[in-house]
Amino acid sequence: MIIEEASFECTIAMPGYSNVKPGVPRVRLEPGETIEDVWDKLHDRAMAWHKKKYPHLYPDTEQPKEKDLSNWEGGAQRVPIPPPVGEINLQHERLRDSIDDCQSLEDLFEWKSNNPVMPFPILLHFNKKMEELSNGG
């Protein structure tokens, strides 16, 4: 395949969610030049133009230095998380206790017929107790 001409367009993001699209519709390749060489040169030119046109987007900042990790022992340090501070819901505690008092699946289903609407934490506790009684525990 012989490539004699190339085109180039790039999209550069701008503040405010807008873009600028510098491009060249047609470039003739010099003898011995590859299309990648042309695209690299055109990209560099487009970026230089953008930096010249919008210098406020390229603040002159020093590149961050690499951190010295030679003394790092590895592993994340664990920070103890305190238990959440809150009130104990006495109604939920009573419901849990009454579920725990059930000794058989029949007792548990009878309890459920008396308490058809359960808060989610109680439903989880009910399911856990039902699984425990189903497995013979």
Foldseek 3Di string as FASTA:
>chain_A
DDDFKDKDWDWDADPPRDIDIDIGGIDGDDPPDDPVNVHVVVVVVVVVVVCVVCVVVPDDDDDDDDDDCPPPPDDDDDDDDDPDDDDDDVVLVVLLVCLVPDDAVVSLVVSCVVVVDDDPVSVVSSVVSNVVRVVVD
